[in-house]
Amino acid sequence: MQRLRMIGAALATVTLLGAVSACGSDDKASTGKTVVIDITVKDGKITPTGDRVKVGAGQPVDLVVTADRAGSLHMHSDPEQEFAYDEGTKTFPITIDRPGVIEVESHDPPQIIVQLEVR
């Protein structure tokens, strides 16, 4: 049991190098530390554009949207979720408990913004 605590403590001390911004990183998924995915909506374009980000099952994720107009994000999870935002910056905290690939997309313009690879 003590070994499991040591492993858990070691995992808890793992830090991501800076705030993860959806950049298709191949970094190993970490549990515990919040993954921050910066999403920018500007001049009719959205970034990132389909990057894959690895996260641990149950790991907190913040979708931080900075937009020059109102809109919404759609997440293909079970159940599906939609996040409406206004002009400005808004943070949507999420957690995904089941492994798989979850797409976060926009319908206007139609595009996949980020793929969360949950392990």
Protein backbone atom coordinates (compact mmCIF):
# COMPACT_ATOMS: atom_id res chain seq x y z
CA MET A 1 0.00 0.00 0.00
CA GLN A 2 2.88 2.36 0.81
CA ARG A 3 4.33 1.75 -2.67
CA LEU A 4 0.98 2.71 -4.24
CA ARG A 5 0.98 5.92 -2.19
CA MET A 6 4.52 6.69 -3.37
CA ILE A 7 3.51 6.09 -6.99
CA GLY A 8 0.42 8.24 -6.51
CA ALA A 9 2.51 11.00 -4.96
CA ALA A 10 5.00 10.79 -7.82
CA LEU A 11 2.19 11.08 -10.36
CA ALA A 12 0.71 14.02 -8.47
CA THR A 13 4.03 15.86 -8.71
CA VAL A 14 4.28 15.44 -12.46
CA THR A 15 3.87 18.83 -14.03
CA LEU A 16 3.15 19.80 -17.59
CA LEU A 17 5.70 22.09 -19.20
CA GLY A 18 3.73 25.31 -19.10
CA ALA A 19 0.02 25.43 -19.77
CA VAL A 20 -0.89 22.92 -22.43
CA SER A 21 -2.38 24.71 -25.35
CA ALA A 22 -3.88 22.39 -27.89
CA CYS A 23 -0.82 21.99 -30.02
CA GLY A 24 -0.96 18.31 -30.89
CA SER A 25 1.44 17.49 -28.10
CA ASP A 26 2.72 13.95 -27.77
CA ASP A 27 3.28 14.46 -24.05
CA LYS A 28 2.09 11.60 -21.89
CA ALA A 29 -1.25 12.16 -20.20
CA SER A 30 -1.00 13.22 -16.58
CA THR A 31 -3.67 12.81 -13.96
CA GLY A 32 -4.39 15.54 -11.46
CA LYS A 33 -3.02 18.72 -13.04
CA THR A 34 -5.53 20.69 -15.06
CA VAL A 35 -4.90 20.71 -18.80
CA VAL A 36 -5.63 24.13 -20.28
CA ILE A 37 -6.67 24.29 -23.92
CA ASP A 38 -6.71 27.81 -25.33
CA ILE A 39 -9.26 28.32 -28.10
CA THR A 40 -9.29 31.57 -30.08
CA VAL A 41 -12.19 32.78 -32.22
CA LYS A 42 -11.09 35.77 -34.27
CA ASP A 43 -12.15 37.22 -37.62
CA GLY A 44 -14.28 34.16 -38.44
CA LYS A 45 -11.46 31.68 -37.77
CA ILE A 46 -10.92 29.32 -34.86
CA THR A 47 -7.66 27.94 -33.56
CA PRO A 48 -6.52 25.31 -32.87
CA THR A 49 -7.62 23.32 -35.92
CA GLY A 50 -7.99 19.67 -34.97
CA ASP A 51 -4.96 19.22 -32.73
CA ARG A 52 -4.91 16.11 -30.53
CA VAL A 53 -4.25 16.52 -26.82
CA LYS A 54 -3.66 13.56 -24.50
CA VAL A 55 -5.41 13.68 -21.12
CA GLY A 56 -5.91 11.18 -18.37
CA ALA A 57 -9.34 9.75 -17.57
CA GLY A 58 -10.78 11.95 -14.84
CA GLN A 59 -8.16 14.66 -15.36
CA PRO A 60 -9.57 18.21 -15.23
CA VAL A 61 -9.55 20.08 -18.54
CA ASP A 62 -10.26 23.79 -18.98
CA LEU A 63 -11.45 24.89 -22.41
CA VAL A 64 -10.57 28.61 -22.40
CA VAL A 65 -12.35 30.43 -25.22
CA THR A 66 -11.29 33.95 -26.21
CA ALA A 67 -13.69 35.23 -28.86
CA ASP A 68 -14.44 38.38 -30.81
CA ARG A 69 -18.06 37.24 -31.24
CA ALA A 70 -20.60 34.95 -29.58
CA GLY A 71 -20.75 31.28 -30.57
CA SER A 72 -20.73 27.76 -29.20
CA LEU A 73 -18.60 24.63 -28.94
CA HIS A 74 -20.02 21.15 -29.33
CA MET A 75 -18.37 18.18 -27.61
CA HIS A 76 -18.97 14.64 -28.88
CA SER A 77 -19.03 12.99 -25.47
CA ASP A 78 -21.62 10.74 -23.84
CA PRO A 79 -23.80 12.63 -23.22
CA GLU A 80 -22.97 15.26 -25.84
CA GLN A 81 -22.38 18.74 -24.48
CA GLU A 82 -22.64 22.25 -25.87
CA PHE A 83 -20.88 25.31 -24.49
CA ALA A 84 -22.18 28.76 -25.46
CA TYR A 85 -19.83 31.71 -25.18
CA ASP A 86 -20.09 35.48 -25.70
CA GLU A 87 -17.51 37.96 -26.89
CA GLY A 88 -14.61 37.98 -24.44
CA THR A 89 -13.02 35.11 -22.51
CA LYS A 90 -14.86 32.23 -20.89
CA THR A 91 -13.57 29.04 -19.27
CA PHE A 92 -15.43 25.74 -19.49
CA PRO A 93 -14.15 23.18 -16.95
CA ILE A 94 -14.73 19.58 -18.07
CA THR A 95 -13.72 16.09 -16.99
CA ILE A 96 -13.98 12.95 -19.09
CA ASP A 97 -14.00 9.66 -17.23
CA ARG A 98 -13.96 7.14 -20.08
CA PRO A 99 -11.03 6.45 -22.40
CA GLY A 100 -11.46 7.31 -26.07
CA VAL A 101 -11.16 10.24 -28.45
CA ILE A 102 -13.57 13.11 -27.85
CA GLU A 103 -13.94 15.79 -30.51
CA VAL A 104 -14.65 19.41 -29.66
CA GLU A 105 -16.01 21.24 -32.67
CA SER A 106 -17.66 24.37 -33.96
CA HIS A 107 -20.62 24.51 -36.30
CA ASP A 108 -19.93 28.12 -37.35
CA PRO A 109 -17.44 27.84 -38.94
CA PRO A 110 -17.73 24.05 -39.24
CA GLN A 111 -14.49 22.53 -37.97
CA ILE A 112 -12.96 20.20 -35.43
CA ILE A 113 -11.15 22.37 -32.91
CA VAL A 114 -9.44 19.78 -30.75
CA GLN A 115 -9.47 16.02 -30.17
CA LEU A 116 -9.10 14.94 -26.56
CA GLU A 117 -7.37 11.57 -26.41
CA VAL A 118 -8.49 10.23 -23.05
CA ARG A 119 -6.38 7.42 -21.59
